[in-house]
């Protein structure tokens, strides 16, 4: 009996138009055997939560470079909860000041990855956190 693939939604919330990092991470996750859904740029919290619900994902990965993480992430977490997705692993990558990591964790974000984090570390973290037994 084989494990099913971990399903990851990679999203770019807000107005930030830079997605190279998100695409690099999405490709690395895919190469590691995960199923990746990339939503594209300028996603609203509602769009992200709806995509997470429709795609039945295990992980929501948010890429935020705009500095709006403390505004956007709470809205996304709320929308995920409204959709019954309390058990989805939420990770955030991008330019996140050290003093903002704990407030993000208090919102339910389990992983925060800044610039220079290796994709291997992100892959290992997701595999460690997500149980995909059939």
N, C-alpha and C. Protein backbone atom coordinates (compact mmCIF):
# COMPACT_ATOMS: atom_id res chain seq x y z
N UNK A 1 0.85 -1.18 0.00
CA UNK A 1 0.00 0.00 0.00
C UNK A 1 0.90 1.25 0.00
N UNK A 2 0.72 2.07 -0.99
CA UNK A 2 1.57 3.26 -1.07
C UNK A 2 0.87 4.47 -0.45
N UNK A 3 1.69 5.38 0.07
CA UNK A 3 1.15 6.61 0.62
C UNK A 3 0.69 7.49 -0.53
N UNK A 4 -0.35 8.25 -0.29
CA UNK A 4 -0.75 9.23 -1.29
C UNK A 4 0.21 10.41 -1.22
N UNK A 5 0.23 11.19 -2.28
CA UNK A 5 1.12 12.34 -2.32
C UNK A 5 0.61 13.45 -1.40
N UNK A 6 1.53 14.16 -0.79
CA UNK A 6 1.18 15.36 -0.02
C UNK A 6 0.74 16.42 -1.01
N UNK A 7 -0.41 17.04 -0.74
CA UNK A 7 -0.95 18.08 -1.63
C UNK A 7 -0.67 19.45 -1.01
N UNK A 8 0.00 20.30 -1.78
CA UNK A 8 0.44 21.61 -1.29
C UNK A 8 -0.11 22.71 -2.20
N UNK A 9 -0.77 23.68 -1.59
CA UNK A 9 -1.19 24.88 -2.31
C UNK A 9 -0.15 25.96 -2.05
N UNK A 10 0.45 26.48 -3.11
CA UNK A 10 1.41 27.58 -2.99
C UNK A 10 0.70 28.84 -3.49
N UNK A 11 0.63 29.85 -2.63
CA UNK A 11 -0.14 31.05 -2.97
C UNK A 11 0.65 32.32 -2.69
N UNK A 12 0.38 33.33 -3.49
CA UNK A 12 0.97 34.67 -3.34
C UNK A 12 -0.15 35.64 -2.97
N UNK A 13 -0.39 35.84 -1.66
CA UNK A 13 -1.46 36.76 -1.27
C UNK A 13 -1.04 38.22 -1.45
N UNK A 14 -2.02 39.06 -1.64
CA UNK A 14 -1.75 40.49 -1.69
C UNK A 14 -1.26 40.96 -3.04
N UNK A 15 -0.68 42.15 -3.03
CA UNK A 15 -0.33 42.83 -4.27
C UNK A 15 1.10 42.59 -4.73
N UNK A 16 1.87 41.87 -3.95
CA UNK A 16 3.26 41.58 -4.30
C UNK A 16 3.32 40.86 -5.65
N UNK A 17 4.13 41.36 -6.55
CA UNK A 17 4.21 40.79 -7.89
C UNK A 17 5.44 39.94 -8.14
N UNK A 18 6.18 39.63 -7.12
CA UNK A 18 7.42 38.85 -7.29
C UNK A 18 7.17 37.40 -6.89
N UNK A 19 7.26 36.48 -7.85
CA UNK A 19 6.93 35.10 -7.54
C UNK A 19 8.04 34.10 -7.85
N UNK A 20 9.24 34.57 -8.10
CA UNK A 20 10.32 33.65 -8.43
C UNK A 20 10.55 32.65 -7.29
N UNK A 21 10.62 33.14 -6.04
CA UNK A 21 10.84 32.26 -4.89
C UNK A 21 9.73 31.23 -4.75
N UNK A 22 8.50 31.67 -4.91
CA UNK A 22 7.36 30.75 -4.80
C UNK A 22 7.45 29.67 -5.88
N UNK A 23 7.85 30.06 -7.07
CA UNK A 23 7.98 29.08 -8.16
C UNK A 23 9.12 28.10 -7.91
N UNK A 24 10.23 28.60 -7.35
CA UNK A 24 11.37 27.72 -7.03
C UNK A 24 10.94 26.69 -5.98
N UNK A 25 10.24 27.15 -4.94
CA UNK A 25 9.78 26.24 -3.89
C UNK A 25 8.76 25.25 -4.47
N UNK A 26 7.82 25.75 -5.27
CA UNK A 26 6.81 24.87 -5.87
C UNK A 26 7.48 23.78 -6.70
N UNK A 27 8.47 24.13 -7.49
CA UNK A 27 9.17 23.14 -8.32
C UNK A 27 9.90 22.12 -7.45
N UNK A 28 10.56 22.59 -6.38
CA UNK A 28 11.29 21.69 -5.48
C UNK A 28 10.33 20.71 -4.80
N UNK A 29 9.17 21.19 -4.37
CA UNK A 29 8.19 20.32 -3.73
C UNK A 29 7.68 19.28 -4.73
N UNK A 30 7.43 19.72 -5.95
CA UNK A 30 6.97 18.81 -7.00
C UNK A 30 8.05 17.76 -7.29
N UNK A 31 9.31 18.22 -7.40
CA UNK A 31 10.41 17.29 -7.66
C UNK A 31 10.60 16.29 -6.52
N UNK A 32 10.16 16.68 -5.31
CA UNK A 32 10.26 15.81 -4.14
C UNK A 32 9.06 14.85 -4.05
N UNK A 33 8.19 14.88 -5.05
CA UNK A 33 7.08 13.94 -5.10
C UNK A 33 5.77 14.45 -4.55
N UNK A 34 5.71 15.73 -4.22
CA UNK A 34 4.45 16.29 -3.72
C UNK A 34 3.61 16.79 -4.89
N UNK A 35 2.32 16.86 -4.66
CA UNK A 35 1.42 17.42 -5.66
C UNK A 35 1.26 18.89 -5.32
N UNK A 36 1.58 19.77 -6.27
CA UNK A 36 1.62 21.21 -5.99
C UNK A 36 0.60 21.93 -6.87
N UNK A 37 -0.18 22.78 -6.23
CA UNK A 37 -1.11 23.66 -6.93
C UNK A 37 -0.61 25.07 -6.69
N UNK A 38 -0.24 25.77 -7.76
CA UNK A 38 0.23 27.15 -7.63
C UNK A 38 -0.89 28.07 -8.11
N UNK A 39 -1.31 28.99 -7.24
CA UNK A 39 -2.47 29.82 -7.55
C UNK A 39 -2.15 31.06 -8.38
N UNK A 40 -0.88 31.41 -8.46
CA UNK A 40 -0.53 32.62 -9.20
C UNK A 40 -0.50 33.84 -8.29
N UNK A 41 -0.28 34.98 -8.91
CA UNK A 41 -0.09 36.24 -8.20
C UNK A 41 -1.40 36.87 -7.75
N UNK A 42 -1.26 37.74 -6.76
CA UNK A 42 -2.32 38.66 -6.31
C UNK A 42 -3.60 37.94 -5.91
N UNK A 43 -3.46 36.97 -5.02
CA UNK A 43 -4.60 36.20 -4.53
C UNK A 43 -5.18 36.84 -3.27
N UNK A 44 -6.49 36.87 -3.18
CA UNK A 44 -7.15 37.36 -1.97
C UNK A 44 -7.22 36.21 -0.96
N UNK A 45 -7.39 36.53 0.32
CA UNK A 45 -7.57 35.46 1.31
C UNK A 45 -8.72 34.52 0.93
N UNK A 46 -9.79 35.08 0.41
CA UNK A 46 -10.94 34.25 0.01
C UNK A 46 -10.57 33.30 -1.12
N UNK A 47 -9.82 33.79 -2.11
CA UNK A 47 -9.41 32.94 -3.23
C UNK A 47 -8.51 31.80 -2.76
N UNK A 48 -7.60 32.12 -1.84
CA UNK A 48 -6.68 31.11 -1.33
C UNK A 48 -7.44 30.04 -0.55
N UNK A 49 -8.33 30.46 0.34
CA UNK A 49 -9.09 29.49 1.15
C UNK A 49 -9.99 28.63 0.27
N UNK A 50 -10.60 29.23 -0.73
CA UNK A 50 -11.47 28.47 -1.64
C UNK A 50 -10.66 27.45 -2.43
N UNK A 51 -9.48 27.86 -2.92
CA UNK A 51 -8.62 26.92 -3.66
C UNK A 51 -8.17 25.78 -2.75
N UNK A 52 -7.84 26.09 -1.50
CA UNK A 52 -7.42 25.06 -0.55
C UNK A 52 -8.54 24.04 -0.33
N UNK A 53 -9.76 24.54 -0.23
CA UNK A 53 -10.91 23.66 -0.04
C UNK A 53 -11.15 22.81 -1.29
N UNK A 54 -11.20 23.45 -2.44
CA UNK A 54 -11.48 22.75 -3.69
C UNK A 54 -10.42 21.69 -4.02
N UNK A 55 -9.17 22.01 -3.71
CA UNK A 55 -8.07 21.11 -4.05
C UNK A 55 -7.76 20.09 -2.96
N UNK A 56 -8.47 20.18 -1.82
CA UNK A 56 -8.30 19.24 -0.72
C UNK A 56 -6.83 19.10 -0.32
N UNK A 57 -6.21 20.22 -0.01
CA UNK A 57 -4.77 20.23 0.26
C UNK A 57 -4.45 19.89 1.71
N UNK A 58 -3.21 19.43 1.90
CA UNK A 58 -2.68 19.15 3.23
C UNK A 58 -1.94 20.37 3.78
N UNK A 59 -1.40 21.18 2.86
CA UNK A 59 -0.52 22.29 3.22
C UNK A 59 -0.92 23.52 2.42
N UNK A 60 -0.91 24.68 3.09
CA UNK A 60 -1.03 25.96 2.41
C UNK A 60 0.29 26.69 2.65
N UNK A 61 1.01 26.95 1.57
CA UNK A 61 2.26 27.69 1.63
C UNK A 61 2.05 29.08 1.09
N UNK A 62 2.31 30.08 1.91
CA UNK A 62 2.10 31.47 1.52
C UNK A 62 3.44 32.14 1.31
N UNK A 63 3.60 32.82 0.20
CA UNK A 63 4.82 33.56 -0.09
C UNK A 63 4.49 35.04 0.00
N UNK A 64 5.13 35.72 0.98
CA UNK A 64 4.83 37.13 1.21
C UNK A 64 6.13 37.93 1.26
N UNK A 65 6.30 38.81 0.31
CA UNK A 65 7.48 39.66 0.26
C UNK A 65 7.14 41.12 0.50
N UNK A 66 5.86 41.42 0.60
CA UNK A 66 5.39 42.81 0.63
C UNK A 66 5.41 43.44 2.01
N UNK A 67 5.63 42.63 3.05
CA UNK A 67 5.55 43.15 4.41
C UNK A 67 4.14 43.13 4.97
N UNK A 68 3.20 42.61 4.23
CA UNK A 68 1.80 42.60 4.66
C UNK A 68 1.40 41.29 5.34
N UNK A 69 2.37 40.50 5.76
CA UNK A 69 2.07 39.18 6.33
C UNK A 69 1.19 39.25 7.58
N UNK A 70 1.39 40.25 8.45
CA UNK A 70 0.58 40.32 9.66
C UNK A 70 -0.84 40.83 9.38
N UNK A 71 -1.06 41.36 8.20
CA UNK A 71 -2.40 41.76 7.77
C UNK A 71 -3.08 40.62 7.02
N UNK A 72 -2.34 39.99 6.10
CA UNK A 72 -2.92 38.98 5.23
C UNK A 72 -3.09 37.61 5.90
N UNK A 73 -2.09 37.17 6.64
CA UNK A 73 -2.14 35.81 7.20
C UNK A 73 -3.33 35.61 8.13
N UNK A 74 -3.64 36.57 9.04
CA UNK A 74 -4.83 36.35 9.89
C UNK A 74 -6.11 36.18 9.08
N UNK A 75 -6.24 36.94 8.00
CA UNK A 75 -7.44 36.83 7.15
C UNK A 75 -7.50 35.47 6.48
N UNK A 76 -6.34 34.99 6.02
CA UNK A 76 -6.30 33.68 5.36
C UNK A 76 -6.62 32.58 6.36
N UNK A 77 -6.03 32.64 7.56
CA UNK A 77 -6.30 31.65 8.60
C UNK A 77 -7.79 31.63 8.93
N UNK A 78 -8.40 32.81 9.07
CA UNK A 78 -9.83 32.89 9.35
C UNK A 78 -10.66 32.23 8.25
N UNK A 79 -10.31 32.52 6.99
CA UNK A 79 -11.07 31.95 5.86
C UNK A 79 -10.89 30.43 5.80
N UNK A 80 -9.68 29.95 6.09
CA UNK A 80 -9.45 28.50 6.11
C UNK A 80 -10.33 27.85 7.18
N UNK A 81 -10.37 28.46 8.36
CA UNK A 81 -11.20 27.92 9.45
C UNK A 81 -12.68 27.94 9.06
N UNK A 82 -13.12 29.01 8.42
CA UNK A 82 -14.51 29.10 7.98
C UNK A 82 -14.85 27.97 7.01
N UNK A 83 -13.85 27.52 6.25
CA UNK A 83 -14.04 26.43 5.29
C UNK A 83 -13.80 25.07 5.91
N UNK A 84 -13.60 25.01 7.25
CA UNK A 84 -13.40 23.75 7.93
C UNK A 84 -12.01 23.16 7.75
N UNK A 85 -11.05 24.01 7.42
CA UNK A 85 -9.69 23.52 7.15
C UNK A 85 -8.75 23.82 8.32
N UNK A 86 -9.20 23.55 9.53
CA UNK A 86 -8.40 23.82 10.72
C UNK A 86 -7.15 22.95 10.79
N UNK A 87 -7.19 21.80 10.12
CA UNK A 87 -6.09 20.84 10.22
C UNK A 87 -5.03 21.00 9.12
N UNK A 88 -5.19 21.98 8.25
CA UNK A 88 -4.23 22.21 7.18
C UNK A 88 -2.96 22.85 7.76
N UNK A 89 -1.81 22.33 7.35
CA UNK A 89 -0.53 22.90 7.75
C UNK A 89 -0.33 24.22 7.02
N UNK A 90 -0.06 25.29 7.76
CA UNK A 90 0.18 26.59 7.15
C UNK A 90 1.64 26.95 7.34
N UNK A 91 2.30 27.25 6.22
CA UNK A 91 3.69 27.70 6.26
C UNK A 91 3.78 29.02 5.49
N UNK A 92 4.71 29.86 5.92
CA UNK A 92 4.89 31.16 5.29
C UNK A 92 6.36 31.32 4.94
N UNK A 93 6.59 31.80 3.74
CA UNK A 93 7.95 32.10 3.32
C UNK A 93 8.02 33.52 2.81
N UNK A 94 9.22 34.06 2.82
CA UNK A 94 9.40 35.42 2.31
C UNK A 94 10.21 36.24 3.28
N UNK A 95 10.01 37.52 3.19
CA UNK A 95 10.76 38.44 4.03
C UNK A 95 9.95 38.70 5.29
N UNK A 96 10.27 37.94 6.34
CA UNK A 96 9.53 38.01 7.59
C UNK A 96 10.50 38.43 8.68
N UNK A 97 10.33 39.62 9.26
CA UNK A 97 11.21 40.04 10.35
C UNK A 97 11.11 39.07 11.54
N UNK A 98 12.21 38.88 12.24
CA UNK A 98 12.26 37.95 13.37
C UNK A 98 11.17 38.22 14.40
N UNK A 99 10.87 39.49 14.64
CA UNK A 99 9.87 39.81 15.67
C UNK A 99 8.45 39.45 15.23
N UNK A 100 8.26 39.14 13.95
CA UNK A 100 6.92 38.76 13.47
C UNK A 100 6.69 37.25 13.46
N UNK A 101 7.74 36.48 13.73
CA UNK A 101 7.59 35.02 13.67
C UNK A 101 6.65 34.52 14.77
N UNK A 102 6.84 34.97 15.99
CA UNK A 102 5.98 34.49 17.09
C UNK A 102 4.51 34.89 16.88
N UNK A 103 4.21 36.13 16.48
CA UNK A 103 2.79 36.44 16.19
C UNK A 103 2.20 35.55 15.10
N UNK A 104 3.00 35.19 14.10
CA UNK A 104 2.51 34.28 13.05
C UNK A 104 2.25 32.90 13.64
N UNK A 105 3.14 32.43 14.48
CA UNK A 105 2.95 31.11 15.12
C UNK A 105 1.68 31.10 15.97
N UNK A 106 1.42 32.21 16.66
CA UNK A 106 0.21 32.30 17.49
C UNK A 106 -1.05 32.24 16.64
N UNK A 107 -0.95 32.62 15.38
CA UNK A 107 -2.09 32.53 14.46
C UNK A 107 -2.30 31.11 13.95
N UNK A 108 -1.30 30.26 14.15
CA UNK A 108 -1.40 28.88 13.67
C UNK A 108 -0.41 28.53 12.57
N UNK A 109 0.44 29.47 12.19
CA UNK A 109 1.48 29.18 11.20
C UNK A 109 2.51 28.29 11.87
N UNK A 110 2.80 27.14 11.26
CA UNK A 110 3.73 26.20 11.91
C UNK A 110 5.15 26.32 11.39
N UNK A 111 5.32 26.87 10.19
CA UNK A 111 6.66 27.02 9.65
C UNK A 111 6.84 28.39 9.02
N UNK A 112 7.95 29.04 9.34
CA UNK A 112 8.28 30.34 8.74
C UNK A 112 9.67 30.21 8.13
N UNK A 113 9.75 30.48 6.83
CA UNK A 113 11.00 30.29 6.10
C UNK A 113 11.41 31.59 5.43
N UNK A 114 12.56 32.09 5.83
CA UNK A 114 13.05 33.35 5.29
C UNK A 114 13.96 33.15 4.09
N UNK A 115 14.48 34.25 3.55
CA UNK A 115 15.38 34.18 2.41
C UNK A 115 16.58 33.29 2.73
N UNK A 116 16.96 32.49 1.78
CA UNK A 116 18.13 31.63 1.95
C UNK A 116 17.82 30.27 2.55
N UNK A 117 16.58 30.03 2.97
CA UNK A 117 16.22 28.71 3.48
C UNK A 117 16.36 27.70 2.35
N UNK A 118 16.98 26.57 2.63
CA UNK A 118 17.13 25.57 1.57
C UNK A 118 15.80 24.88 1.31
N UNK A 119 15.58 24.54 0.05
CA UNK A 119 14.34 23.83 -0.29
C UNK A 119 14.31 22.47 0.40
N UNK A 120 15.48 21.88 0.65
CA UNK A 120 15.53 20.60 1.36
C UNK A 120 14.95 20.74 2.77
N UNK A 121 15.25 21.86 3.42
CA UNK A 121 14.71 22.09 4.77
C UNK A 121 13.20 22.23 4.74
N UNK A 122 12.69 22.91 3.73
CA UNK A 122 11.23 23.09 3.60
C UNK A 122 10.56 21.74 3.33
N UNK A 123 11.13 20.96 2.44
CA UNK A 123 10.59 19.63 2.11
C UNK A 123 10.58 18.75 3.36
N UNK A 124 11.70 18.73 4.08
CA UNK A 124 11.79 17.90 5.29
C UNK A 124 10.77 18.33 6.33
N UNK A 125 10.60 19.64 6.50
CA UNK A 125 9.63 20.15 7.48
C UNK A 125 8.23 19.70 7.12
N UNK A 126 7.84 19.84 5.87
CA UNK A 126 6.49 19.45 5.44
C UNK A 126 6.30 17.95 5.63
N UNK A 127 7.26 17.15 5.22
CA UNK A 127 7.13 15.70 5.38
C UNK A 127 7.00 15.31 6.86
N UNK A 128 7.72 15.99 7.70
CA UNK A 128 7.70 15.73 9.14
C UNK A 128 6.34 16.08 9.75
N UNK A 129 5.73 17.14 9.25
CA UNK A 129 4.49 17.66 9.82
C UNK A 129 3.22 17.00 9.28
N UNK A 130 3.27 16.47 8.07
CA UNK A 130 2.06 15.99 7.40
C UNK A 130 2.04 14.46 7.37
N UNK A 131 0.98 13.91 7.91
CA UNK A 131 0.79 12.47 7.87
C UNK A 131 -0.17 12.17 6.72
N UNK A 132 0.31 11.43 5.73
CA UNK A 132 -0.53 11.16 4.55
C UNK A 132 -0.88 9.68 4.41
N UNK A 133 -0.98 8.99 5.53
CA UNK A 133 -1.38 7.58 5.46
C UNK A 133 -2.77 7.49 4.83
N UNK A 134 -2.97 6.48 4.05
CA UNK A 134 -4.27 6.31 3.37
C UNK A 134 -5.37 5.98 4.33
